[in-house]
Amino acid sequence: DVAARINFATVEDEGRITDRRAGRIRTELNARLCRKIKERLSLSPEVELFLEPEKEHRAVLILRGDGLYGDIEDTDPQQLGVKPHPVVATDPRSEKTAQVVREFMGQVKEILADEYPANMMLLRGFDKYQPLKSMEKRFGLRALAIAVYPMYRGVARLVGMEVAEFAGEDIETEFRVLQDNFSQYDFFYVHIKKTDTYGEDGN
């Protein structure tokens, strides 16, 4: 599998990015847009495509098929007022994947043309799945992740952490979960998303 992170974004008529996060659209809108894209996409049957909403403006793209590699540059320029970068393979073996992504992005541009503010996607962090040793096997630590945002919960699972299930998204709840589990684990990963969000927004 080759995966990439997605930001729904806003571009103006000439294709320049005006908002890399599309105003932090609601997760419900994100899910609707992912469904719309999947319903209208027409790609090579050789490659299986998964497009799943994450939270707010973020989603994930997964490509599955033979001969796929993830050596592809980000399309997200990480700045406003410019157009998204073209899809470029940085290694010849990844050209097949790059071509699929080019076809995908070309169709996405048309499918989202009548949407606002989420009328474009930016892709970054392409990579091919490689199993990782768990923290317990590598360091002998039994670890628990306490996080609200899906991406960080997923990263924790990739490295073999257990992920706490809890209701609520406030910091107080996260630290209450930490307190309740403190004697049962050797290592805790506590992720506070709001500081990141406010920093990204310049608040």
C-alpha atoms as a PDB file:
ATOM      1  CA  ASP A   1       0.000   0.000   0.000  1.00  0.00           C
ATOM      2  CA  VAL A   2       1.069   3.577  -0.723  1.00  0.00           C
ATOM      3  CA  ALA A   3      -0.576   6.247   1.420  1.00  0.00           C
ATOM      4  CA  ALA A   4      -0.632  10.042   1.501  1.00  0.00           C
ATOM      5  CA  ARG A   5      -2.137  12.647   3.772  1.00  0.00           C
ATOM      6  CA  ILE A   6      -4.779  14.931   2.307  1.00  0.00           C
ATOM      7  CA  ASN A   7      -5.798  18.474   3.127  1.00  0.00           C
ATOM      8  CA  PHE A   8      -8.971  19.759   1.556  1.00  0.00           C
ATOM      9  CA  ALA A   9      -8.026  23.279   0.452  1.00  0.00           C
ATOM     10  CA  THR A  10      -9.392  26.394  -1.239  1.00  0.00           C
ATOM     11  CA  VAL A  11      -8.056  27.701  -4.540  1.00  0.00           C
ATOM     12  CA  GLU A  12      -9.118  30.786  -6.494  1.00  0.00           C
ATOM     13  CA  ASP A  13     -10.115  30.853 -10.159  1.00  0.00           C
ATOM     14  CA  GLU A  14      -6.524  30.723 -11.421  1.00  0.00           C
ATOM     15  CA  GLY A  15      -5.667  27.808  -9.136  1.00  0.00           C
ATOM     16  CA  ARG A  16      -3.686  29.653  -6.468  1.00  0.00           C
ATOM     17  CA  ILE A  17      -4.168  28.460  -2.914  1.00  0.00           C
ATOM     18  CA  THR A  18      -6.034  30.836  -0.612  1.00  0.00           C
ATOM     19  CA  ASP A  19      -6.562  28.454   2.323  1.00  0.00           C
ATOM     20  CA  ARG A  20      -4.565  25.241   2.856  1.00  0.00           C
ATOM     21  CA  ARG A  21      -7.261  23.911   5.210  1.00  0.00           C
ATOM     22  CA  ALA A  22     -10.462  25.044   3.464  1.00  0.00           C
ATOM     23  CA  GLY A  23     -11.587  26.930   6.540  1.00  0.00           C
ATOM     24  CA  ARG A  24     -11.276  23.757   8.632  1.00  0.00           C
ATOM     25  CA  ILE A  25     -14.454  22.307   7.171  1.00  0.00           C
ATOM     26  CA  ARG A  26     -16.646  20.108   9.329  1.00  0.00           C
ATOM     27  CA  THR A  27     -15.895  16.402   9.366  1.00  0.00           C
ATOM     28  CA  GLU A  28     -19.398  15.732   8.011  1.00  0.00           C
ATOM     29  CA  LEU A  29     -18.652  17.814   4.904  1.00  0.00           C
ATOM     30  CA  ASN A  30     -15.304  16.063   4.534  1.00  0.00           C
ATOM     31  CA  ALA A  31     -17.094  12.694   4.533  1.00  0.00           C
ATOM     32  CA  ARG A  32     -19.630  13.882   1.946  1.00  0.00           C
ATOM     33  CA  LEU A  33     -16.877  15.119  -0.364  1.00  0.00           C
ATOM     34  CA  CYS A  34     -14.972  11.844  -0.053  1.00  0.00           C
ATOM     35  CA  ARG A  35     -18.130   9.937  -0.983  1.00  0.00           C
ATOM     36  CA  LYS A  36     -18.761  12.245  -3.933  1.00  0.00           C
ATOM     37  CA  ILE A  37     -15.232  11.762  -5.246  1.00  0.00           C
ATOM     38  CA  LYS A  38     -15.322   7.974  -4.877  1.00  0.00           C
ATOM     39  CA  GLU A  39     -18.670   7.782  -6.672  1.00  0.00           C
ATOM     40  CA  ARG A  40     -17.381   9.757  -9.675  1.00  0.00           C
ATOM     41  CA  LEU A  41     -13.789   8.552  -9.970  1.00  0.00           C
ATOM     42  CA  SER A  42     -12.795   6.391 -12.908  1.00  0.00           C
ATOM     43  CA  LEU A  43      -9.258   5.039 -12.547  1.00  0.00           C
ATOM     44  CA  SER A  44      -7.341   2.006 -13.787  1.00  0.00           C
ATOM     45  CA  PRO A  45      -8.750  -1.259 -12.392  1.00  0.00           C
ATOM     46  CA  GLU A  46      -5.163  -2.354 -11.726  1.00  0.00           C
ATOM     47  CA  VAL A  47      -5.054  -0.060  -8.704  1.00  0.00           C
ATOM     48  CA  GLU A  48      -7.477  -0.186  -5.790  1.00  0.00           C
ATOM     49  CA  LEU A  49      -8.083   3.234  -4.262  1.00  0.00           C
ATOM     50  CA  PHE A  50      -9.240   4.057  -0.757  1.00  0.00           C
ATOM     51  CA  LEU A  51     -10.248   7.615   0.142  1.00  0.00           C
ATOM     52  CA  GLU A  52     -11.298   8.060   3.746  1.00  0.00           C
ATOM     53  CA  PRO A  53     -12.197  11.149   5.786  1.00  0.00           C
ATOM     54  CA  GLU A  54     -10.194  11.748   8.924  1.00  0.00           C
ATOM     55  CA  LYS A  55     -11.326  14.837  10.841  1.00  0.00           C
ATOM     56  CA  GLU A  56     -12.138  18.410   9.836  1.00  0.00           C
ATOM     57  CA  HIS A  57     -10.228  19.140   6.578  1.00  0.00           C
ATOM     58  CA  ARG A  58      -7.968  16.085   6.657  1.00  0.00           C
ATOM     59  CA  ALA A  59      -8.381  12.783   4.834  1.00  0.00           C
ATOM     60  CA  VAL A  60      -6.198   9.906   3.673  1.00  0.00           C
ATOM     61  CA  LEU A  61      -5.502   8.412   0.252  1.00  0.00           C
ATOM     62  CA  ILE A  62      -4.378   4.786  -0.032  1.00  0.00           C
ATOM     63  CA  LEU A  63      -3.397   3.090  -3.290  1.00  0.00           C
ATOM     64  CA  ARG A  64      -3.120  -0.690  -3.465  1.00  0.00           C
ATOM     65  CA  GLY A  65      -1.686  -2.658  -6.372  1.00  0.00           C
ATOM     66  CA  ASP A  66       1.405  -4.284  -7.825  1.00  0.00           C
ATOM     67  CA  GLY A  67       4.506  -2.211  -8.513  1.00  0.00           C
ATOM     68  CA  LEU A  68       3.536   0.829  -6.446  1.00  0.00           C
ATOM     69  CA  TYR A  69       6.144   2.856  -4.561  1.00  0.00           C
ATOM     70  CA  GLY A  70       5.869   6.050  -2.555  1.00  0.00           C
ATOM     71  CA  ASP A  71       8.806   8.181  -3.708  1.00  0.00           C
ATOM     72  CA  ILE A  72       6.656  11.139  -4.735  1.00  0.00           C
ATOM     73  CA  GLU A  73       7.009  14.829  -3.911  1.00  0.00           C
ATOM     74  CA  ASP A  74       4.296  16.630  -1.954  1.00  0.00           C
ATOM     75  CA  THR A  75       1.777  18.636  -3.943  1.00  0.00           C
ATOM     76  CA  ASP A  76       1.287  20.884  -0.903  1.00  0.00           C
ATOM     77  CA  PRO A  77       3.625  23.904  -1.244  1.00  0.00           C
ATOM     78  CA  GLN A  78       3.000  24.824   2.420  1.00  0.00           C
ATOM     79  CA  GLN A  79       2.227  28.427   1.476  1.00  0.00           C
ATOM     80  CA  LEU A  80      -0.568  30.597   0.119  1.00  0.00           C
ATOM     81  CA  GLY A  81      -0.762  32.509  -3.137  1.00  0.00           C
ATOM     82  CA  VAL A  82       0.824  29.783  -5.249  1.00  0.00           C
ATOM     83  CA  LYS A  83      -0.520  26.804  -7.172  1.00  0.00           C
ATOM     84  CA  PRO A  84      -0.212  23.228  -5.881  1.00  0.00           C
ATOM     85  CA  HIS A  85       2.980  21.473  -6.937  1.00  0.00           C
ATOM     86  CA  PRO A  86       2.699  18.965  -9.789  1.00  0.00           C
ATOM     87  CA  VAL A  87       2.845  15.257  -8.984  1.00  0.00           C
ATOM     88  CA  VAL A  88       6.493  14.256  -9.454  1.00  0.00           C
ATOM     89  CA  ALA A  89       8.140  10.887  -8.804  1.00  0.00           C
ATOM     90  CA  THR A  90      11.579  11.253  -7.228  1.00  0.00           C
ATOM     91  CA  ASP A  91      12.565   7.729  -8.250  1.00  0.00           C
ATOM     92  CA  PRO A  92      11.825   5.945 -11.555  1.00  0.00           C
ATOM     93  CA  ARG A  93      10.199   3.012  -9.763  1.00  0.00           C
ATOM     94  CA  SER A  94       7.510   5.376  -8.401  1.00  0.00           C
ATOM     95  CA  GLU A  95       6.471   6.720 -11.817  1.00  0.00           C
ATOM     96  CA  LYS A  96       3.569   4.260 -12.041  1.00  0.00           C
ATOM     97  CA  THR A  97       2.224   5.539  -8.727  1.00  0.00           C
ATOM     98  CA  ALA A  98       2.768   9.146  -9.791  1.00  0.00           C
ATOM     99  CA  GLN A  99       0.753   8.590 -12.959  1.00  0.00           C
ATOM    100  CA  VAL A 100      -2.160   7.170 -10.959  1.00  0.00           C
ATOM    101  CA  VAL A 101      -2.008  10.161  -8.608  1.00  0.00           C
ATOM    102  CA  ARG A 102      -1.960  12.568 -11.572  1.00  0.00           C
ATOM    103  CA  GLU A 103      -5.104  10.948 -12.954  1.00  0.00           C
ATOM    104  CA  PHE A 104      -6.681  11.046  -9.507  1.00  0.00           C
ATOM    105  CA  MET A 105      -5.883  14.728  -8.973  1.00  0.00           C
ATOM    106  CA  GLY A 106      -7.083  15.676 -12.458  1.00  0.00           C
ATOM    107  CA  GLN A 107     -10.460  14.106 -11.787  1.00  0.00           C
ATOM    108  CA  VAL A 108     -10.662  15.492  -8.249  1.00  0.00           C
ATOM    109  CA  LYS A 109     -10.149  19.012  -9.606  1.00  0.00           C
ATOM    110  CA  GLU A 110     -13.196  18.584 -11.861  1.00  0.00           C
ATOM    111  CA  ILE A 111     -15.320  16.838  -9.235  1.00  0.00           C
ATOM    112  CA  LEU A 112     -14.704  19.572  -6.641  1.00  0.00           C
ATOM    113  CA  ALA A 113     -15.022  22.489  -9.087  1.00  0.00           C
ATOM    114  CA  ASP A 114     -18.532  23.366  -7.870  1.00  0.00           C
ATOM    115  CA  GLU A 115     -17.656  23.054  -4.175  1.00  0.00           C
ATOM    116  CA  TYR A 116     -16.602  25.855  -1.844  1.00  0.00           C
ATOM    117  CA  PRO A 117     -14.515  26.291   0.231  1.00  0.00           C
ATOM    118  CA  ALA A 118     -13.169  22.759  -0.290  1.00  0.00           C
ATOM    119  CA  ASN A 119     -12.523  22.877  -4.041  1.00  0.00           C
ATOM    120  CA  MET A 120      -9.059  21.274  -4.123  1.00  0.00           C
ATOM    121  CA  MET A 121      -6.913  18.644  -2.416  1.00  0.00           C
ATOM    122  CA  LEU A 122      -3.285  18.952  -1.335  1.00  0.00           C
ATOM    123  CA  LEU A 123      -1.274  15.755  -0.866  1.00  0.00           C
ATOM    124  CA  ARG A 124       1.807  15.179   1.255  1.00  0.00           C
ATOM    125  CA  GLY A 125       3.763  12.499   3.047  1.00  0.00           C
ATOM    126  CA  PHE A 126       3.632   9.779   0.399  1.00  0.00           C
ATOM    127  CA  ASP A 127       5.073   6.496   1.603  1.00  0.00           C
ATOM    128  CA  LYS A 128       4.776   2.749   1.225  1.00  0.00           C
ATOM    129  CA  TYR A 129       3.629   0.753   4.225  1.00  0.00           C
ATOM    130  CA  GLN A 130       6.421  -0.977   6.103  1.00  0.00           C
ATOM    131  CA  PRO A 131       5.677  -2.870   9.332  1.00  0.00           C
ATOM    132  CA  LEU A 132       7.404  -1.398  12.379  1.00  0.00           C
ATOM    133  CA  LYS A 133       8.511  -3.123  15.567  1.00  0.00           C
ATOM    134  CA  SER A 134       6.234  -2.347  18.476  1.00  0.00           C
ATOM    135  CA  MET A 135       7.559  -0.216  21.316  1.00  0.00           C
ATOM    136  CA  GLU A 136       7.256  -3.227  23.584  1.00  0.00           C
ATOM    137  CA  LYS A 137       9.433  -5.400  21.324  1.00  0.00           C
ATOM    138  CA  ARG A 138      11.955  -2.664  20.626  1.00  0.00           C
ATOM    139  CA  PHE A 139      12.223  -0.960  24.022  1.00  0.00           C
ATOM    140  CA  GLY A 140      10.414  -3.277  26.438  1.00  0.00           C
ATOM    141  CA  LEU A 141       7.841  -0.580  27.186  1.00  0.00           C
ATOM    142  CA  ARG A 142       4.103  -1.121  27.427  1.00  0.00           C
ATOM    143  CA  ALA A 143       2.718   2.081  25.936  1.00  0.00           C
ATOM    144  CA  LEU A 144      -0.657   3.815  25.920  1.00  0.00           C
ATOM    145  CA  ALA A 145      -1.641   6.600  23.532  1.00  0.00           C
ATOM    146  CA  ILE A 146      -4.164   9.201  24.650  1.00  0.00           C
ATOM    147  CA  ALA A 147      -5.178  11.305  21.679  1.00  0.00           C
ATOM    148  CA  VAL A 148      -8.327  12.761  20.156  1.00  0.00           C
ATOM    149  CA  TYR A 149      -7.249  13.316  16.565  1.00  0.00           C
ATOM    150  CA  PRO A 150      -7.476  10.183  14.357  1.00  0.00           C
ATOM    151  CA  MET A 151      -4.079  10.599  12.683  1.00  0.00           C
ATOM    152  CA  TYR A 152      -2.163  10.500  15.952  1.00  0.00           C
ATOM    153  CA  ARG A 153      -4.181   7.531  17.149  1.00  0.00           C
ATOM    154  CA  GLY A 154      -3.272   5.774  13.909  1.00  0.00           C
ATOM    155  CA  VAL A 155       0.440   6.570  14.238  1.00  0.00           C
ATOM    156  CA  ALA A 156       0.343   5.179  17.770  1.00  0.00           C
ATOM    157  CA  ARG A 157      -1.144   1.917  16.484  1.00  0.00           C
ATOM    158  CA  LEU A 158       1.581   1.700  13.818  1.00  0.00           C
ATOM    159  CA  VAL A 159       4.247   1.545  16.526  1.00  0.00           C
ATOM    160  CA  GLY A 160       2.284  -0.938  18.607  1.00  0.00           C
ATOM    161  CA  MET A 161       0.857   1.319  21.288  1.00  0.00           C
ATOM    162  CA  GLU A 162      -2.490   0.571  22.824  1.00  0.00           C
ATOM    163  CA  VAL A 163      -4.899   3.428  22.138  1.00  0.00           C
ATOM    164  CA  ALA A 164      -7.236   4.621  24.875  1.00  0.00           C
ATOM    165  CA  GLU A 165     -10.936   4.787  24.049  1.00  0.00           C
ATOM    166  CA  PHE A 166     -12.802   7.613  25.753  1.00  0.00           C
ATOM    167  CA  ALA A 167     -15.667  10.034  25.230  1.00  0.00           C
ATOM    168  CA  GLY A 168     -14.969  13.757  24.962  1.00  0.00           C
ATOM    169  CA  GLU A 169     -12.272  15.842  23.326  1.00  0.00           C
ATOM    170  CA  ASP A 170     -11.163  18.272  26.040  1.00  0.00           C
ATOM    171  CA  ILE A 171      -7.759  18.295  27.701  1.00  0.00           C
ATOM    172  CA  GLU A 172      -9.228  17.571  31.120  1.00  0.00           C
ATOM    173  CA  THR A 173     -10.657  14.298  29.838  1.00  0.00           C
ATOM    174  CA  GLU A 174      -7.322  13.258  28.332  1.00  0.00           C
ATOM    175  CA  PHE A 175      -5.494  13.803  31.610  1.00  0.00           C
ATOM    176  CA  ARG A 176      -8.226  12.009  33.533  1.00  0.00           C
ATOM    177  CA  VAL A 177      -7.629   9.007  31.259  1.00  0.00           C
ATOM    178  CA  LEU A 178      -3.894   9.344  31.979  1.00  0.00           C
ATOM    179  CA  GLN A 179      -4.546   9.382  35.709  1.00  0.00           C
ATOM    180  CA  ASP A 180      -6.851   6.360  35.536  1.00  0.00           C
ATOM    181  CA  ASN A 181      -4.258   4.306  33.633  1.00  0.00           C
ATOM    182  CA  PHE A 182      -1.044   5.586  35.196  1.00  0.00           C
ATOM    183  CA  SER A 183      -0.146   2.413  37.096  1.00  0.00           C
ATOM    184  CA  GLN A 184      -0.872   0.051  34.192  1.00  0.00           C
ATOM    185  CA  TYR A 185       1.645   1.258  31.570  1.00  0.00           C
ATOM    186  CA  ASP A 186       5.330   2.172  31.306  1.00  0.00           C
ATOM    187  CA  PHE A 187       5.034   4.920  28.695  1.00  0.00           C
ATOM    188  CA  PHE A 188       2.322   7.427  27.767  1.00  0.00           C
ATOM    189  CA  TYR A 189       1.868   9.406  24.587  1.00  0.00           C
ATOM    190  CA  VAL A 190      -0.551  12.255  25.329  1.00  0.00           C
ATOM    191  CA  HIS A 191      -1.371  14.401  22.316  1.00  0.00           C
ATOM    192  CA  ILE A 192      -2.972  17.846  22.706  1.00  0.00           C
ATOM    193  CA  LYS A 193      -4.289  18.861  19.290  1.00  0.00           C
ATOM    194  CA  LYS A 194      -5.671  22.320  20.067  1.00  0.00           C
ATOM    195  CA  THR A 195      -2.257  23.933  20.577  1.00  0.00           C
ATOM    196  CA  ASP A 196      -1.286  22.739  17.092  1.00  0.00           C
ATOM    197  CA  THR A 197      -4.538  24.037  15.607  1.00  0.00           C
ATOM    198  CA  TYR A 198      -4.185  27.487  17.172  1.00  0.00           C
ATOM    199  CA  GLY A 199      -0.547  27.685  16.095  1.00  0.00           C
ATOM    200  CA  GLU A 200      -1.412  26.809  12.489  1.00  0.00           C
ATOM    201  CA  ASP A 201      -4.052  29.529  12.488  1.00  0.00           C
ATOM    202  CA  GLY A 202      -1.649  32.095  13.970  1.00  0.00           C
ATOM    203  CA  ASN A 203      -3.767  32.451  17.099  1.00  0.00           C
END
